[in-house]
C-alpha atoms as a PDB file:
ATOM      1  CA  MET A   1     -11.851   0.600  -9.427  1.00  0.00           C
ATOM      2  CA  ALA A   2      -9.304  -1.286  -7.361  1.00  0.00           C
ATOM      3  CA  LYS A   3      -5.792   0.067  -7.033  1.00  0.00           C
ATOM      4  CA  ILE A   4      -2.674  -1.906  -7.902  1.00  0.00           C
ATOM      5  CA  ASN A   5       0.933  -0.895  -7.369  1.00  0.00           C
ATOM      6  CA  LYS A   6       3.671  -0.991  -9.977  1.00  0.00           C
ATOM      7  CA  GLN A   7       5.207  -4.284  -8.845  1.00  0.00           C
ATOM      8  CA  GLN A   8       1.837  -6.019  -8.632  1.00  0.00           C
ATOM      9  CA  LEU A   9       0.971  -4.785 -12.115  1.00  0.00           C
ATOM     10  CA  LYS A  10       4.172  -6.241 -13.550  1.00  0.00           C
ATOM     11  CA  GLN A  11       3.513  -9.543 -11.811  1.00  0.00           C
ATOM     12  CA  LEU A  12      -0.060  -9.706 -13.105  1.00  0.00           C
ATOM     13  CA  ILE A  13       0.900  -8.886 -16.677  1.00  0.00           C
ATOM     14  CA  GLU A  14       3.789 -11.356 -16.579  1.00  0.00           C
ATOM     15  CA  ALA A  15       1.525 -14.124 -15.306  1.00  0.00           C
ATOM     16  CA  ALA A  16      -1.226 -13.324 -17.801  1.00  0.00           C
ATOM     17  CA  ILE A  17       1.133 -13.532 -20.776  1.00  0.00           C
ATOM     18  CA  PHE A  18       2.742 -16.638 -19.297  1.00  0.00           C
ATOM     19  CA  VAL A  19      -0.522 -18.604 -19.027  1.00  0.00           C
ATOM     20  CA  ALA A  20      -2.199 -17.325 -22.203  1.00  0.00           C
ATOM     21  CA  ASP A  21      -2.424 -19.916 -24.968  1.00  0.00           C
ATOM     22  CA  GLU A  22      -1.841 -17.285 -27.667  1.00  0.00           C
ATOM     23  CA  PRO A  23      -0.158 -13.870 -27.943  1.00  0.00           C
ATOM     24  CA  LEU A  24      -1.865 -11.433 -25.585  1.00  0.00           C
ATOM     25  CA  SER A  25      -2.583  -7.923 -26.828  1.00  0.00           C
ATOM     26  CA  LYS A  26      -2.789  -4.828 -24.640  1.00  0.00           C
ATOM     27  CA  GLU A  27      -6.442  -4.493 -25.578  1.00  0.00           C
ATOM     28  CA  ARG A  28      -7.116  -8.058 -24.456  1.00  0.00           C
ATOM     29  CA  MET A  29      -5.321  -7.426 -21.151  1.00  0.00           C
ATOM     30  CA  GLN A  30      -7.448  -4.360 -20.515  1.00  0.00           C
ATOM     31  CA  GLN A  31     -10.630  -6.291 -21.311  1.00  0.00           C
ATOM     32  CA  THR A  32      -9.782  -9.211 -19.016  1.00  0.00           C
ATOM     33  CA  VAL A  33      -7.193  -9.260 -16.233  1.00  0.00           C
ATOM     34  CA  LEU A  34      -7.046  -5.449 -15.900  1.00  0.00           C
ATOM     35  CA  MET A  35     -10.749  -4.816 -16.365  1.00  0.00           C
ATOM     36  CA  ASP A  36     -11.510  -4.021 -12.707  1.00  0.00           C
ATOM     37  CA  LEU A  37      -8.206  -2.333 -11.954  1.00  0.00           C
ATOM     38  CA  ASP A  38      -7.215   1.311 -12.156  1.00  0.00           C
ATOM     39  CA  VAL A  39      -4.449   0.959 -14.754  1.00  0.00           C
ATOM     40  CA  SER A  40      -3.713   3.678 -17.297  1.00  0.00           C
ATOM     41  CA  THR A  41      -2.431   3.000 -20.796  1.00  0.00           C
ATOM     42  CA  ARG A  42       0.832   4.664 -19.805  1.00  0.00           C
ATOM     43  CA  ALA A  43       1.257   2.401 -16.776  1.00  0.00           C
ATOM     44  CA  LEU A  44       0.548  -0.660 -18.903  1.00  0.00           C
ATOM     45  CA  ASN A  45       3.096   0.393 -21.511  1.00  0.00           C
ATOM     46  CA  GLU A  46       5.717   1.088 -18.854  1.00  0.00           C
ATOM     47  CA  ALA A  47       5.153  -2.294 -17.206  1.00  0.00           C
ATOM     48  CA  LEU A  48       5.511  -4.096 -20.541  1.00  0.00           C
ATOM     49  CA  ALA A  49       8.674  -2.137 -21.357  1.00  0.00           C
ATOM     50  CA  GLU A  50      10.208  -3.035 -17.991  1.00  0.00           C
ATOM     51  CA  LEU A  51       9.294  -6.696 -18.369  1.00  0.00           C
ATOM     52  CA  THR A  52      10.893  -6.737 -21.823  1.00  0.00           C
ATOM     53  CA  LEU A  53      14.114  -5.375 -20.338  1.00  0.00           C
ATOM     54  CA  ASP A  54      13.939  -7.780 -17.391  1.00  0.00           C
ATOM     55  CA  TYR A  55      13.848 -10.766 -19.758  1.00  0.00           C
ATOM     56  CA  ALA A  56      16.297  -9.408 -22.353  1.00  0.00           C
ATOM     57  CA  PRO A  57      19.388 -11.223 -20.938  1.00  0.00           C
ATOM     58  CA  ARG A  58      17.524 -14.470 -20.253  1.00  0.00           C
ATOM     59  CA  GLY A  59      16.973 -17.601 -22.313  1.00  0.00           C
ATOM     60  CA  VAL A  60      13.260 -16.834 -22.487  1.00  0.00           C
ATOM     61  CA  GLN A  61      12.318 -13.380 -23.716  1.00  0.00           C
ATOM     62  CA  LEU A  62       9.198 -11.249 -23.942  1.00  0.00           C
ATOM     63  CA  VAL A  63       8.470 -10.291 -27.544  1.00  0.00           C
ATOM     64  CA  GLU A  64       5.739  -8.273 -29.215  1.00  0.00           C
ATOM     65  CA  LEU A  65       4.133  -9.823 -32.281  1.00  0.00           C
ATOM     66  CA  ALA A  66       1.287  -8.787 -34.546  1.00  0.00           C
ATOM     67  CA  SER A  67      -1.301 -10.328 -32.225  1.00  0.00           C
ATOM     68  CA  GLY A  68       0.251  -9.258 -28.944  1.00  0.00           C
ATOM     69  CA  PHE A  69       2.924 -10.266 -26.455  1.00  0.00           C
ATOM     70  CA  ARG A  70       4.293 -13.731 -25.708  1.00  0.00           C
ATOM     71  CA  PHE A  71       7.297 -15.386 -24.088  1.00  0.00           C
ATOM     72  CA  GLN A  72       9.565 -17.399 -26.349  1.00  0.00           C
ATOM     73  CA  SER A  73      13.078 -18.784 -26.268  1.00  0.00           C
ATOM     74  CA  MET A  74      16.017 -16.942 -27.815  1.00  0.00           C
ATOM     75  CA  ASP A  75      16.477 -17.717 -31.491  1.00  0.00           C
ATOM     76  CA  SER A  76      20.143 -18.522 -30.865  1.00  0.00           C
ATOM     77  CA  LEU A  77      19.132 -21.454 -28.637  1.00  0.00           C
ATOM     78  CA  SER A  78      17.051 -23.160 -31.350  1.00  0.00           C
ATOM     79  CA  PRO A  79      19.752 -25.649 -32.469  1.00  0.00           C
ATOM     80  CA  TRP A  80      19.848 -27.156 -28.963  1.00  0.00           C
ATOM     81  CA  LEU A  81      16.212 -26.798 -27.992  1.00  0.00           C
ATOM     82  CA  GLY A  82      15.163 -28.407 -31.256  1.00  0.00           C
ATOM     83  CA  ARG A  83      16.525 -31.708 -29.933  1.00  0.00           C
ATOM     84  CA  LEU A  84      13.546 -31.874 -27.594  1.00  0.00           C
ATOM     85  CA  TRP A  85      11.338 -32.659 -30.587  1.00  0.00           C
ATOM     86  CA  GLN A  86      12.245 -35.929 -32.261  1.00  0.00           C
ATOM     87  CA  GLU A  87       9.189 -36.463 -34.482  1.00  0.00           C
ATOM     88  CA  ASN A  88       9.460 -36.485 -38.242  1.00  0.00           C
ATOM     89  CA  VAL A  89       8.505 -33.099 -39.641  1.00  0.00           C
ATOM     90  CA  PRO A  90       7.628 -31.887 -43.139  1.00  0.00           C
ATOM     91  CA  ARG A  91       9.858 -29.775 -45.314  1.00  0.00           C
ATOM     92  CA  TYR A  92       8.191 -27.359 -47.659  1.00  0.00           C
ATOM     93  CA  SER A  93       8.997 -27.160 -51.342  1.00  0.00           C
ATOM     94  CA  ARG A  94      10.556 -24.094 -52.897  1.00  0.00           C
ATOM     95  CA  ALA A  95       7.359 -23.698 -54.945  1.00  0.00           C
ATOM     96  CA  MET A  96       5.357 -23.375 -51.738  1.00  0.00           C
ATOM     97  CA  LEU A  97       7.829 -20.943 -50.193  1.00  0.00           C
ATOM     98  CA  GLU A  98       7.886 -18.807 -53.332  1.00  0.00           C
ATOM     99  CA  THR A  99       4.084 -18.764 -53.389  1.00  0.00           C
ATOM    100  CA  LEU A 100       3.986 -17.705 -49.744  1.00  0.00           C
ATOM    101  CA  ALA A 101       6.592 -15.008 -50.386  1.00  0.00           C
ATOM    102  CA  LEU A 102       4.649 -13.588 -53.327  1.00  0.00           C
ATOM    103  CA  ILE A 103       1.485 -13.447 -51.257  1.00  0.00           C
ATOM    104  CA  ALA A 104       3.370 -11.763 -48.416  1.00  0.00           C
ATOM    105  CA  TYR A 105       5.085  -9.165 -50.615  1.00  0.00           C
ATOM    106  CA  ARG A 106       2.433  -8.545 -53.296  1.00  0.00           C
ATOM    107  CA  GLN A 107      -0.787  -8.940 -51.321  1.00  0.00           C
ATOM    108  CA  PRO A 108      -3.593  -8.932 -52.092  1.00  0.00           C
ATOM    109  CA  ILE A 109      -2.833 -11.173 -55.043  1.00  0.00           C
ATOM    110  CA  THR A 110      -4.696 -13.770 -57.069  1.00  0.00           C
ATOM    111  CA  ARG A 111      -3.551 -17.266 -57.871  1.00  0.00           C
ATOM    112  CA  GLY A 112      -3.375 -16.283 -61.550  1.00  0.00           C
ATOM    113  CA  GLU A 113      -1.096 -13.340 -60.750  1.00  0.00           C
ATOM    114  CA  ILE A 114       1.189 -15.635 -58.758  1.00  0.00           C
ATOM    115  CA  GLU A 115       1.346 -18.000 -61.732  1.00  0.00           C
ATOM    116  CA  ASP A 116       2.137 -15.120 -64.104  1.00  0.00           C
ATOM    117  CA  ILE A 117       5.068 -14.022 -61.928  1.00  0.00           C
ATOM    118  CA  ARG A 118       6.462 -17.515 -61.318  1.00  0.00           C
ATOM    119  CA  GLY A 119       5.806 -18.682 -64.879  1.00  0.00           C
ATOM    120  CA  VAL A 120       4.312 -21.983 -63.702  1.00  0.00           C
ATOM    121  CA  SER A 121       0.981 -23.100 -62.316  1.00  0.00           C
ATOM    122  CA  VAL A 122       0.278 -23.083 -58.578  1.00  0.00           C
ATOM    123  CA  SER A 123      -1.142 -26.375 -57.375  1.00  0.00           C
ATOM    124  CA  SER A 124      -4.278 -26.451 -55.275  1.00  0.00           C
ATOM    125  CA  HIS A 125      -2.312 -28.401 -52.656  1.00  0.00           C
ATOM    126  CA  ILE A 126       0.002 -25.432 -52.066  1.00  0.00           C
ATOM    127  CA  ILE A 127      -2.878 -23.007 -51.514  1.00  0.00           C
ATOM    128  CA  LYS A 128      -4.661 -25.555 -49.321  1.00  0.00           C
ATOM    129  CA  THR A 129      -1.573 -26.124 -47.170  1.00  0.00           C
ATOM    130  CA  LEU A 130      -0.925 -22.404 -46.683  1.00  0.00           C
ATOM    131  CA  THR A 131      -4.581 -21.889 -45.790  1.00  0.00           C
ATOM    132  CA  GLU A 132      -4.676 -24.817 -43.370  1.00  0.00           C
ATOM    133  CA  ARG A 133      -1.572 -23.478 -41.628  1.00  0.00           C
ATOM    134  CA  GLN A 134      -3.469 -20.187 -41.293  1.00  0.00           C
ATOM    135  CA  TRP A 135      -0.644 -18.334 -43.004  1.00  0.00           C
ATOM    136  CA  VAL A 136      -2.879 -16.999 -45.795  1.00  0.00           C
ATOM    137  CA  LYS A 137      -6.572 -16.314 -46.257  1.00  0.00           C
ATOM    138  CA  VAL A 138      -9.009 -15.033 -48.872  1.00  0.00           C
ATOM    139  CA  VAL A 139      -9.617 -11.324 -48.306  1.00  0.00           C
ATOM    140  CA  GLY A 140     -11.879 -10.621 -51.267  1.00  0.00           C
ATOM    141  CA  HIS A 141     -12.315 -11.161 -54.974  1.00  0.00           C
ATOM    142  CA  LYS A 142     -10.837  -9.235 -57.879  1.00  0.00           C
ATOM    143  CA  GLU A 143     -13.442  -7.478 -60.005  1.00  0.00           C
ATOM    144  CA  VAL A 144     -12.531  -9.180 -63.280  1.00  0.00           C
ATOM    145  CA  PRO A 145     -14.240 -12.015 -65.170  1.00  0.00           C
ATOM    146  CA  GLY A 146     -14.457 -15.032 -62.895  1.00  0.00           C
ATOM    147  CA  ARG A 147     -13.861 -12.883 -59.791  1.00  0.00           C
ATOM    148  CA  PRO A 148     -10.769 -14.817 -58.633  1.00  0.00           C
ATOM    149  CA  ALA A 149      -9.977 -14.914 -54.927  1.00  0.00           C
ATOM    150  CA  LEU A 150      -7.489 -12.424 -53.522  1.00  0.00           C
ATOM    151  CA  TYR A 151      -5.023 -13.882 -51.037  1.00  0.00           C
ATOM    152  CA  ALA A 152      -3.220 -12.128 -48.188  1.00  0.00           C
ATOM    153  CA  THR A 153      -1.245 -13.160 -45.131  1.00  0.00           C
ATOM    154  CA  THR A 154      -2.710 -13.392 -41.644  1.00  0.00           C
ATOM    155  CA  ARG A 155      -1.729 -12.333 -38.143  1.00  0.00           C
ATOM    156  CA  HIS A 156      -0.876 -15.978 -37.546  1.00  0.00           C
ATOM    157  CA  PHE A 157       1.714 -15.707 -40.336  1.00  0.00           C
ATOM    158  CA  LEU A 158       3.264 -12.674 -38.643  1.00  0.00           C
ATOM    159  CA  ASP A 159       3.238 -14.380 -35.253  1.00  0.00           C
ATOM    160  CA  TYR A 160       4.834 -17.548 -36.636  1.00  0.00           C
ATOM    161  CA  PHE A 161       7.701 -15.623 -38.176  1.00  0.00           C
ATOM    162  CA  THR A 162       8.030 -13.323 -35.136  1.00  0.00           C
ATOM    163  CA  LEU A 163       6.989 -10.151 -36.933  1.00  0.00           C
ATOM    164  CA  LYS A 164       4.978  -7.212 -35.617  1.00  0.00           C
ATOM    165  CA  SER A 165       3.973  -6.044 -39.086  1.00  0.00           C
ATOM    166  CA  LEU A 166       4.639  -6.608 -42.777  1.00  0.00           C
ATOM    167  CA  ASP A 167       7.029  -3.654 -42.655  1.00  0.00           C
ATOM    168  CA  GLU A 168       9.501  -5.942 -40.888  1.00  0.00           C
ATOM    169  CA  LEU A 169       9.683  -8.420 -43.773  1.00  0.00           C
ATOM    170  CA  PRO A 170      13.246  -8.876 -45.063  1.00  0.00           C
ATOM    171  CA  PRO A 171      14.127  -8.697 -48.784  1.00  0.00           C
ATOM    172  CA  ILE A 172      12.166 -11.337 -50.651  1.00  0.00           C
ATOM    173  CA  ASP A 173      15.214 -13.476 -51.567  1.00  0.00           C
ATOM    174  CA  SER A 174      16.451 -13.669 -47.991  1.00  0.00           C
ATOM    175  CA  PHE A 175      12.904 -14.378 -46.797  1.00  0.00           C
ATOM    176  CA  ILE A 176      12.648 -17.465 -48.997  1.00  0.00           C
ATOM    177  CA  GLU A 177      16.118 -18.647 -47.969  1.00  0.00           C
ATOM    178  CA  GLY A 178      15.417 -17.979 -44.309  1.00  0.00           C
ATOM    179  CA  VAL A 179      12.171 -19.910 -44.319  1.00  0.00           C
ATOM    180  CA  SER A 180      13.779 -22.773 -46.205  1.00  0.00           C
ATOM    181  CA  ASP A 181      16.818 -23.001 -43.951  1.00  0.00           C
ATOM    182  CA  GLU A 182      15.481 -22.110 -40.529  1.00  0.00           C
ATOM    183  CA  GLN A 183      11.700 -21.902 -40.237  1.00  0.00           C
ATOM    184  CA  ASN A 184      10.168 -24.478 -42.515  1.00  0.00           C
ATOM    185  CA  THR A 185       9.638 -27.231 -39.958  1.00  0.00           C
ATOM    186  CA  ASP A 186       7.281 -27.558 -37.051  1.00  0.00           C
ATOM    187  CA  ALA A 187      10.130 -28.662 -34.791  1.00  0.00           C
ATOM    188  CA  GLU A 188      12.168 -25.536 -35.444  1.00  0.00           C
ATOM    189  CA  ASN A 189       9.129 -23.374 -34.853  1.00  0.00           C
ATOM    190  CA  ALA A 190       8.520 -25.274 -31.648  1.00  0.00           C
ATOM    191  CA  SER A 191      12.054 -24.528 -30.514  1.00  0.00           C
ATOM    192  CA  GLN A 192      11.021 -20.899 -30.264  1.00  0.00           C
ATOM    193  CA  VAL A 193       8.665 -22.046 -27.560  1.00  0.00           C
ATOM    194  CA  SER A 194       6.484 -19.757 -25.549  1.00  0.00           C
ATOM    195  CA  ALA A 195       6.918 -19.893 -21.793  1.00  0.00           C
ATOM    196  CA  GLU A 196       3.686 -21.767 -21.216  1.00  0.00           C
ATOM    197  CA  GLN A 197       4.815 -24.552 -23.538  1.00  0.00           C
ATOM    198  CA  ALA A 198       8.171 -24.750 -21.798  1.00  0.00           C
ATOM    199  CA  SER A 199       6.736 -25.080 -18.300  1.00  0.00           C
ATOM    200  CA  PRO A 200       5.066 -28.325 -17.141  1.00  0.00           C
ATOM    201  CA  ASN A 201       3.582 -26.468 -14.182  1.00  0.00           C
ATOM    202  CA  ASN A 202       1.926 -23.926 -16.383  1.00  0.00           C
ATOM    203  CA  GLN A 203       0.324 -26.657 -18.462  1.00  0.00           C
ATOM    204  CA  GLN A 204      -1.767 -27.410 -15.406  1.00  0.00           C
ATOM    205  CA  VAL A 205      -3.293 -23.931 -15.486  1.00  0.00           C
ATOM    206  CA  HIS A 206      -5.302 -24.597 -18.678  1.00  0.00           C
END
């Protein structure tokens, strides 16, 4: 296997995450850009840790999500960066946000169980929207009459809300309020842009 020094490894990992069109996991790095290189797991972890520190004081930071690593802008810059997106964007109803929260906190859960907790029916449109956004998916069926679908959140849900795992979910009330106030529009999500979206030059790589 070819050798690579510490600085070259950092540069390669930085570039790989920069040009990737989705979060890049350590496993994916090892299977692709590092496949023919003599890079230990320890060296990879150290390079990622150093890159995270390098970007910590900058406007764009390296973050680890459920699916891997990506570059994104600082949350505190969102109010200004959001002005780059002028299109009309949807706002989600409290019913949808409560449904999403119940799936996130009680998963796996059936539609009937969600309705029992909320005390009202859950429209098919809400489930369809959450599924189309790839925030939830069917993970099985409950072994009761009718075998209703069991819903759970996805890695895409974790990535969207900048979470590494479900353990990082805030209290359910603050989650609903946070989504409603800060993360319920495509424009605000876009303001947490990854580095490849922020760079016109990088767009030419794909």
